């Protein structure tokens, strides 16, 4: 549903924003993460689970928490972008943008004429509160936060021309795929990878566009924020769940291996302790 773009406002005010990837495609996870207090949730429709119908449920869940969403679409496709925007997304990330022409196509698909060529169905779509926002077509272009990803050595070499495209607000360096493009996948601290990142960083900063990326072995979140990055997804729903589950299992296996036994019947947990234990587990 339409609201002024809070993420864009905060970025313009100079705030550095942190969030988490959402790869599960699950509205309940969205509610948990939204209530946790992240600045944004980055819903991943490129690698993550979920389709357009799932997206609408996720957006509704996020709206109930007050946390804003960015949606990464599967590809730089005008039909997909039109449907995602009509569903009410106002902050969109487009992967694998390789050159000026592709950046122009992305901007064109995300903006109404005369700035772009976004298809018109404003009185009927969720983005305009189903037509209740009467001036939607006049405010939608300015309200959108458009993020394009540079994810290859070729794109890094063309960072200046990509960032120069009118309508692009942020350039996001996809360091993992960028490393893969030179045969260094998962070698994110390799000198050749860092050199490409530095090249792209310099040209994006010179353009005046906002800058985003992911923390990695090459640079931590603290280092990236200190270097002036504007937006970082610092976690993901899957990794947070996986790591918490693995740590819980590890703790219990260690207890078992160390021979810790359950208390005898005479050593039952007191009422106070039992209440405390129940509170910790949530049941």
Protein backbone atom coordinates (compact mmCIF):
# COMPACT_ATOMS: atom_id res chain seq x y z
CA UNK A 1 0.00 0.00 0.00
CA UNK A 2 1.18 3.53 -0.69
CA UNK A 3 3.22 5.39 1.89
CA UNK A 4 5.96 7.97 1.49
CA UNK A 5 9.23 6.08 1.01
CA UNK A 6 10.79 6.13 4.46
CA UNK A 7 14.00 4.40 3.36
CA UNK A 8 14.60 7.01 0.67
CA UNK A 9 13.93 9.80 3.15
CA UNK A 10 16.36 8.35 5.67
CA UNK A 11 19.07 7.83 3.07
CA UNK A 12 18.64 11.42 1.89
CA UNK A 13 19.04 12.53 5.51
CA UNK A 14 22.42 10.79 5.64
CA UNK A 15 21.46 7.72 7.67
CA UNK A 16 23.27 4.44 7.14
CA UNK A 17 20.74 1.62 7.08
CA UNK A 18 21.12 -2.03 8.07
CA UNK A 19 18.76 -4.85 7.29
CA UNK A 20 18.45 -8.54 6.57
CA UNK A 21 17.81 -10.69 3.53
CA UNK A 22 14.55 -12.61 3.48
CA UNK A 23 15.05 -15.79 1.44
CA UNK A 24 12.38 -17.98 3.05
CA UNK A 25 9.44 -16.40 1.27
CA UNK A 26 7.49 -16.73 4.50
CA UNK A 27 5.18 -14.07 5.93
CA UNK A 28 5.60 -15.32 9.51
CA UNK A 29 9.37 -14.92 9.24
CA UNK A 30 8.73 -11.40 7.92
CA UNK A 31 6.71 -10.62 11.06
CA UNK A 32 9.47 -11.95 13.32
CA UNK A 33 12.22 -10.05 11.51
CA UNK A 34 10.16 -6.91 11.17
CA UNK A 35 9.43 -6.79 14.87
CA UNK A 36 13.11 -7.41 15.67
CA UNK A 37 13.91 -3.86 14.62
CA UNK A 38 15.89 -4.00 11.36
CA UNK A 39 15.82 -0.83 9.27
CA UNK A 40 14.67 -2.84 6.25
CA UNK A 41 13.87 -6.33 5.06
CA UNK A 42 15.31 -7.29 1.67
CA UNK A 43 12.92 -9.81 0.13
CA UNK A 44 14.86 -11.91 -2.36
CA UNK A 45 12.85 -13.15 -5.34
CA UNK A 46 16.01 -13.89 -7.33
CA UNK A 47 17.45 -16.71 -5.23
CA UNK A 48 14.83 -16.89 -2.49
CA UNK A 49 11.62 -18.84 -2.30
CA UNK A 50 8.39 -17.11 -3.22
CA UNK A 51 6.32 -15.76 -6.08
CA UNK A 52 4.15 -12.69 -6.60
CA UNK A 53 1.32 -14.03 -4.46
CA UNK A 54 3.76 -14.83 -1.64
CA UNK A 55 5.19 -11.33 -2.03
CA UNK A 56 1.85 -9.65 -1.34
CA UNK A 57 1.43 -11.69 1.86
CA UNK A 58 4.97 -10.76 2.90
CA UNK A 59 4.33 -7.07 2.23
CA UNK A 60 1.18 -7.17 4.34
CA UNK A 61 3.07 -8.83 7.18
CA UNK A 62 5.84 -6.23 7.02
CA UNK A 63 3.35 -3.36 6.98
CA UNK A 64 1.95 -4.61 10.28
CA UNK A 65 5.40 -4.29 11.85
CA UNK A 66 6.22 -0.88 10.39
CA UNK A 67 9.46 -2.16 8.85
CA UNK A 68 10.02 -1.21 5.22
CA UNK A 69 10.87 -3.67 2.47
CA UNK A 70 13.16 -3.73 -0.52
CA UNK A 71 12.38 -6.41 -3.11
CA UNK A 72 15.04 -7.96 -5.33
CA UNK A 73 13.36 -9.11 -8.52
CA UNK A 74 14.54 -12.20 -10.41
CA UNK A 75 15.74 -10.27 -13.44
CA UNK A 76 15.73 -6.93 -15.24
CA UNK A 77 12.38 -7.66 -16.85
CA UNK A 78 9.79 -4.92 -17.42
CA UNK A 79 6.80 -7.24 -16.97
CA UNK A 80 8.06 -8.54 -13.62
CA UNK A 81 8.93 -5.02 -12.50
CA UNK A 82 5.49 -3.72 -13.47
CA UNK A 83 3.73 -6.41 -11.45
CA UNK A 84 5.99 -5.98 -8.42
CA UNK A 85 5.52 -2.22 -8.42
CA UNK A 86 1.76 -2.55 -8.86
CA UNK A 87 1.74 -4.91 -5.85
CA UNK A 88 2.91 -1.97 -3.73
CA UNK A 89 6.69 -2.24 -3.69
CA UNK A 90 8.38 1.15 -3.58
CA UNK A 91 12.00 0.03 -3.17
CA UNK A 92 13.27 -2.40 -5.79
CA UNK A 93 16.64 -4.02 -6.45
CA UNK A 94 17.55 -5.28 -9.92
CA UNK A 95 20.37 -7.84 -10.24
CA UNK A 96 23.07 -8.27 -12.87
CA UNK A 97 22.96 -4.85 -14.54
CA UNK A 98 25.90 -4.88 -16.93
CA UNK A 99 25.93 -1.53 -18.74
CA UNK A 100 24.25 1.80 -19.38
CA UNK A 101 21.66 0.32 -21.73
CA UNK A 102 20.48 -2.20 -19.13
CA UNK A 103 20.41 0.49 -16.43
CA UNK A 104 18.30 2.69 -18.70
CA UNK A 105 15.90 -0.21 -19.31
CA UNK A 106 15.55 -0.72 -15.55
CA UNK A 107 14.83 2.95 -14.92
CA UNK A 108 12.36 3.09 -17.81
CA UNK A 109 10.41 0.08 -16.49
CA UNK A 110 10.14 1.54 -12.98
CA UNK A 111 8.90 5.04 -13.83
CA UNK A 112 5.70 6.31 -15.39
CA UNK A 113 5.88 8.51 -18.51
CA UNK A 114 7.38 10.89 -19.37
CA UNK A 115 10.37 9.72 -17.31
CA UNK A 116 9.81 6.07 -18.16
CA UNK A 117 7.41 3.57 -19.67
CA UNK A 118 5.78 1.82 -16.70
CA UNK A 119 2.38 0.47 -17.72
CA UNK A 120 -0.72 2.20 -16.39
CA UNK A 121 -3.32 0.58 -14.16
CA UNK A 122 -3.10 3.02 -11.27
CA UNK A 123 -6.80 3.10 -10.24
CA UNK A 124 -6.87 -0.68 -9.76
CA UNK A 125 -3.62 -1.69 -8.10
CA UNK A 126 -2.46 -2.17 -4.54
CA UNK A 127 0.30 0.41 -5.03
CA UNK A 128 -2.25 3.25 -5.18
CA UNK A 129 -4.36 1.83 -2.36
CA UNK A 130 -6.66 0.56 -5.11
CA UNK A 131 -7.17 4.03 -6.53
CA UNK A 132 -7.70 5.86 -3.24
CA UNK A 133 -4.41 7.73 -3.68
CA UNK A 134 -5.75 9.91 -6.48
CA UNK A 135 -2.47 11.54 -7.47
CA UNK A 136 -0.46 8.30 -7.38
CA UNK A 137 0.89 8.58 -10.93
CA UNK A 138 2.22 12.06 -10.13
CA UNK A 139 4.09 11.03 -6.99
CA UNK A 140 5.11 7.43 -7.72
CA UNK A 141 8.22 8.27 -9.75
CA UNK A 142 9.72 10.39 -7.00
CA UNK A 143 8.71 7.90 -4.32
CA UNK A 144 10.51 4.89 -5.77
CA UNK A 145 13.95 3.82 -4.55
CA UNK A 146 15.66 2.12 -7.48
CA UNK A 147 18.75 0.02 -6.73
CA UNK A 148 20.78 -1.70 -9.45
CA UNK A 149 23.41 -4.34 -8.81
CA UNK A 150 26.90 -4.46 -10.29
CA UNK A 151 27.93 -8.12 -10.17
CA UNK A 152 30.69 -8.73 -12.73
CA UNK A 153 34.08 -7.43 -13.73
CA UNK A 154 32.54 -6.05 -16.91
CA UNK A 155 29.91 -4.14 -14.95
CA UNK A 156 32.53 -2.83 -12.50
CA UNK A 157 34.42 -1.37 -15.45
CA UNK A 158 31.23 0.42 -16.48
CA UNK A 159 30.17 1.56 -13.01
CA UNK A 160 30.36 5.23 -13.96
CA UNK A 161 28.01 4.89 -16.93
CA UNK A 162 25.57 2.74 -14.96
CA UNK A 163 25.48 5.16 -12.04
CA UNK A 164 24.99 8.13 -14.41
CA UNK A 165 21.59 6.92 -15.61
CA UNK A 166 18.74 9.19 -14.54
CA UNK A 167 16.35 7.43 -12.16
CA UNK A 168 18.98 5.21 -10.54
CA UNK A 169 19.21 5.99 -6.82
CA UNK A 170 21.71 3.43 -5.56
CA UNK A 171 24.32 1.09 -6.97
CA UNK A 172 24.80 -2.10 -4.99
CA UNK A 173 28.01 -4.07 -5.46
CA UNK A 174 27.29 -7.81 -5.54
CA UNK A 175 30.73 -8.90 -4.42
CA UNK A 176 30.08 -12.65 -4.52
CA UNK A 177 29.13 -12.84 -8.19
CA UNK A 178 31.69 -10.19 -9.03
CA UNK A 179 34.38 -12.47 -7.58
CA UNK A 180 32.95 -15.40 -9.50
CA UNK A 181 33.19 -13.48 -12.76
CA UNK A 182 37.00 -13.57 -12.48
CA UNK A 183 37.20 -17.15 -11.23
CA UNK A 184 37.47 -16.19 -7.55
CA UNK A 185 34.09 -17.33 -6.21
CA UNK A 186 34.07 -17.26 -2.37
CA UNK A 187 37.56 -15.68 -2.38
CA UNK A 188 36.18 -12.31 -1.37
CA UNK A 189 39.36 -11.11 0.31
CA UNK A 190 41.51 -11.85 -2.76
CA UNK A 191 43.49 -8.84 -3.96
CA UNK A 192 42.01 -8.98 -7.47
CA UNK A 193 38.47 -8.99 -6.08
CA UNK A 194 39.19 -6.10 -3.73
CA UNK A 195 40.70 -4.13 -6.61
CA UNK A 196 37.50 -4.50 -8.65
CA UNK A 197 35.39 -3.49 -5.67
CA UNK A 198 37.58 -0.44 -5.07
CA UNK A 199 37.30 0.55 -8.74
CA UNK A 200 33.51 0.36 -8.65
CA UNK A 201 33.32 2.12 -5.26
CA UNK A 202 35.31 5.09 -6.54
CA UNK A 203 33.17 5.58 -9.62
CA UNK A 204 29.88 5.18 -7.75
CA UNK A 205 30.93 7.68 -5.10
CA UNK A 206 32.00 10.15 -7.78
CA UNK A 207 28.53 9.89 -9.34
CA UNK A 208 26.81 10.93 -6.12
CA UNK A 209 24.64 7.81 -6.03
CA UNK A 210 24.10 5.94 -2.78
CA UNK A 211 26.26 2.87 -2.29
CA UNK A 212 25.32 -0.58 -1.00
CA UNK A 213 26.84 -4.04 -0.69
CA UNK A 214 27.05 -7.07 1.60
CA UNK A 215 29.62 -7.58 4.38
CA UNK A 216 32.12 -10.28 3.49
CA UNK A 217 35.55 -11.72 4.23
CA UNK A 218 36.90 -8.72 2.40
CA UNK A 219 35.15 -6.09 4.52
CA UNK A 220 33.02 -6.26 7.66
CA UNK A 221 29.85 -4.25 8.23
CA UNK A 222 31.73 -1.90 10.57
CA UNK A 223 34.43 -1.33 7.97
CA UNK A 224 31.90 -0.73 5.20
CA UNK A 225 29.87 1.76 7.20
CA UNK A 226 33.10 3.53 8.21
CA UNK A 227 34.01 3.69 4.52
CA UNK A 228 30.77 5.50 3.77
CA UNK A 229 28.42 2.80 2.54
CA UNK A 230 24.79 3.81 2.84
CA UNK A 231 22.96 0.48 3.03
CA UNK A 232 23.95 -3.03 4.11
CA UNK A 233 21.98 -6.24 4.56
CA UNK A 234 23.98 -7.64 7.46
CA UNK A 235 22.23 -11.00 7.91
CA UNK A 236 19.69 -13.34 6.36
CA UNK A 237 16.67 -15.12 7.78
CA UNK A 238 18.00 -18.52 6.71
CA UNK A 239 21.46 -18.06 8.22
CA UNK A 240 20.07 -16.67 11.48
CA UNK A 241 17.70 -19.64 11.83
CA UNK A 242 20.35 -22.16 10.74
CA UNK A 243 23.03 -20.84 13.09
CA UNK A 244 20.71 -20.58 16.09
CA UNK A 245 19.43 -24.11 15.49
CA UNK A 246 22.94 -25.52 15.03
CA UNK A 247 24.16 -23.83 18.22
CA UNK A 248 21.22 -25.23 20.22
CA UNK A 249 21.91 -28.74 18.93
CA UNK A 250 25.64 -28.35 19.60
CA UNK A 251 24.98 -27.29 23.18
CA UNK A 252 22.74 -30.28 23.83
CA UNK A 253 25.13 -32.75 22.20
CA UNK A 254 27.96 -31.39 24.36
CA UNK A 255 25.79 -31.83 27.45
CA UNK A 256 25.05 -35.40 26.43
CA UNK A 257 28.71 -36.18 25.69
CA UNK A 258 29.75 -34.78 29.06
CA UNK A 259 27.37 -37.14 30.80
CA UNK A 260 25.10 -34.52 32.37
CA UNK A 261 22.05 -36.29 33.75
CA UNK A 262 18.53 -35.10 34.38
CA UNK A 263 17.70 -34.32 38.03
CA UNK A 264 16.06 -37.06 40.12
CA UNK A 265 12.39 -36.91 41.12
CA UNK A 266 13.46 -35.47 44.49
CA UNK A 267 15.30 -32.68 42.67
CA UNK A 268 12.37 -31.35 40.69
CA UNK A 269 12.66 -27.79 39.47
CA UNK A 270 11.03 -25.33 41.83
CA UNK A 271 7.94 -23.47 40.70
CA UNK A 272 9.95 -20.30 40.20
CA UNK A 273 12.64 -22.04 38.16
CA UNK A 274 10.03 -23.90 36.12
CA UNK A 275 8.31 -20.66 35.25
CA UNK A 276 11.65 -19.16 34.22
CA UNK A 277 12.46 -22.17 32.03
CA UNK A 278 9.05 -21.98 30.37
CA UNK A 279 9.55 -18.29 29.66
CA UNK A 280 12.85 -18.93 27.95
CA UNK A 281 11.44 -21.59 25.63
CA UNK A 282 8.24 -19.68 24.90
CA UNK A 283 5.95 -22.55 25.94
